[in-house]
Amino acid sequence: MLRKKILIEVNQDFHQGDNVFKALESESEPWLLTELFSCFEEEDSTIRELASQAIVKVASTQAGREILCEDESGLLLNIRKLFDDDVVQIRANAYKSFIALAEFTYGVDQIIRQGIVAVLIT
């Protein structure tokens, strides 16, 4: 219950790009992204959906795109796993995240490099 409330607040705060930037720049290791990605493993589909919505907002900002694309530990592959989710909206959020990343050349390069293109076109 608490996790849902926190994710709702995060999504509301992330409507402003400045808040996303502040959350991502606060530490050298973006702990918030780690927490959001851990939510993808939850059984509760509402938690997974709220986390995926927050990732869309992260991917829609320059700071978020840079972190997601420069990371070598597989953050993009975590988003890619959402395409296997049973919930349509979660899969749609994964797609929206990759579309936001693909607006810039470095995002397209990472999507290709990590073999995600095939998922997007099937």
Protein backbone atom coordinates (compact mmCIF):
# COMPACT_ATOMS: atom_id res chain seq x y z
CA MET A 1 0.00 0.00 0.00
CA LEU A 2 2.79 2.41 0.94
CA ARG A 3 4.70 1.59 -2.24
CA LYS A 4 1.65 2.48 -4.34
CA LYS A 5 1.28 5.82 -2.58
CA ILE A 6 4.93 6.62 -3.10
CA LEU A 7 4.74 5.72 -6.79
CA ILE A 8 1.63 7.87 -7.22
CA GLU A 9 3.52 10.80 -5.65
CA VAL A 10 6.57 10.17 -7.83
CA ASN A 11 4.41 10.20 -10.95
CA GLN A 12 2.69 13.40 -9.88
CA ASP A 13 6.04 15.04 -9.12
CA PHE A 14 7.50 13.84 -12.42
CA HIS A 15 4.93 15.82 -14.40
CA GLN A 16 7.47 18.63 -14.08
CA GLY A 17 10.74 17.87 -15.83
CA ASP A 18 12.68 19.82 -13.19
CA ASN A 19 11.60 17.34 -10.55
CA VAL A 20 12.84 14.44 -12.66
CA PHE A 21 16.16 16.21 -13.10
CA LYS A 22 16.48 16.88 -9.35
CA ALA A 23 15.70 13.26 -8.52
CA LEU A 24 18.26 11.94 -10.98
CA GLU A 25 21.06 14.37 -10.17
CA SER A 26 20.81 13.95 -6.42
CA GLU A 27 23.38 11.16 -6.29
CA SER A 28 26.04 9.65 -8.50
CA GLU A 29 24.08 6.37 -8.48
CA PRO A 30 20.46 7.07 -9.43
CA TRP A 31 18.86 5.09 -6.59
CA LEU A 32 15.40 6.13 -7.73
CA LEU A 33 15.83 4.28 -11.02
CA THR A 34 17.00 1.21 -9.13
CA GLU A 35 13.87 1.35 -7.00
CA LEU A 36 11.61 1.86 -10.01
CA PHE A 37 13.17 -1.10 -11.79
CA SER A 38 12.75 -3.26 -8.69
CA CYS A 39 9.03 -2.47 -8.86
CA PHE A 40 8.87 -4.25 -12.23
CA GLU A 41 9.24 -7.54 -10.33
CA GLU A 42 6.22 -6.93 -8.08
CA GLU A 43 3.19 -9.19 -8.34
CA ASP A 44 0.85 -6.22 -8.02
CA SER A 45 0.19 -4.95 -11.54
CA THR A 46 -0.69 -1.47 -10.27
CA ILE A 47 2.79 -1.08 -8.81
CA ARG A 48 4.38 -2.30 -12.05
CA GLU A 49 2.23 0.08 -14.07
CA LEU A 50 3.00 3.10 -11.87
CA ALA A 51 6.72 2.32 -12.05
CA SER A 52 6.55 1.99 -15.83
CA GLN A 53 4.73 5.35 -16.05
CA ALA A 54 7.53 6.97 -14.07
CA ILE A 55 10.12 5.45 -16.42
CA VAL A 56 8.29 7.01 -19.39
CA LYS A 57 8.66 10.38 -17.70
CA VAL A 58 12.35 9.72 -17.00
CA ALA A 59 12.97 8.72 -20.63
CA SER A 60 11.24 11.92 -21.76
CA THR A 61 13.85 14.17 -20.13
CA GLN A 62 17.38 14.83 -21.29
CA ALA A 63 18.94 13.84 -17.97
CA GLY A 64 16.92 10.63 -17.89
CA ARG A 65 17.79 9.72 -21.47
CA GLU A 66 21.48 10.27 -20.79
CA ILE A 67 21.44 8.06 -17.70
CA LEU A 68 19.47 5.31 -19.42
CA CYS A 69 21.65 5.37 -22.54
CA GLU A 70 25.03 5.77 -20.87
CA ASP A 71 24.43 2.99 -18.38
CA GLU A 72 26.24 -0.25 -19.12
CA SER A 73 24.49 -2.35 -16.48
CA GLY A 74 21.41 -3.03 -18.57
CA LEU A 75 18.82 -0.43 -17.60
CA LEU A 76 17.36 -0.51 -21.10
CA LEU A 77 17.10 -4.29 -20.91
CA ASN A 78 15.03 -3.87 -17.74
CA ILE A 79 12.59 -1.72 -19.71
CA ARG A 80 12.66 -4.26 -22.53
CA LYS A 81 11.43 -6.96 -20.11
CA LEU A 82 8.19 -5.01 -19.71
CA PHE A 83 7.16 -6.18 -23.17
CA ASP A 84 6.63 -9.61 -21.59
CA ASP A 85 4.15 -8.27 -19.03
CA ASP A 86 0.52 -9.42 -19.12
CA VAL A 87 -0.83 -5.87 -18.68
CA VAL A 88 -1.30 -3.96 -21.93
CA GLN A 89 -0.65 -0.54 -20.37
CA ILE A 90 2.69 -1.67 -18.97
CA ARG A 91 3.77 -2.88 -22.40
CA ALA A 92 2.56 0.43 -23.86
CA ASN A 93 4.65 2.33 -21.32
CA ALA A 94 7.72 0.34 -22.31
CA TYR A 95 7.05 1.26 -25.94
CA LYS A 96 6.60 4.94 -25.03
CA SER A 97 9.89 4.89 -23.13
CA PHE A 98 11.77 3.58 -26.14
CA ILE A 99 10.03 6.07 -28.46
CA ALA A 100 11.17 8.89 -26.16
CA LEU A 101 14.72 7.53 -26.19
CA ALA A 102 14.68 7.14 -29.96
CA GLU A 103 14.01 10.84 -30.50
CA PHE A 104 17.76 11.34 -30.29
CA THR A 105 20.59 9.63 -32.12
CA TYR A 106 22.31 8.33 -29.00
CA GLY A 107 19.04 6.73 -27.93
CA VAL A 108 18.60 5.05 -31.29
CA ASP A 109 22.19 3.82 -31.15
CA GLN A 110 21.65 2.23 -27.73
CA ILE A 111 18.37 0.63 -28.76
CA ILE A 112 20.11 -0.93 -31.76
CA ARG A 113 23.24 -1.87 -29.80
CA GLN A 114 21.23 -3.69 -27.15
CA GLY A 115 19.09 -5.59 -29.65
CA ILE A 116 15.80 -3.98 -28.74
CA VAL A 117 14.76 -3.00 -32.27
CA ALA A 118 13.35 -6.45 -33.00
CA VAL A 119 10.96 -6.15 -30.06
CA LEU A 120 9.76 -2.75 -31.20
CA ILE A 121 8.91 -3.83 -34.73
CA THR A 122 7.19 -7.13 -33.93
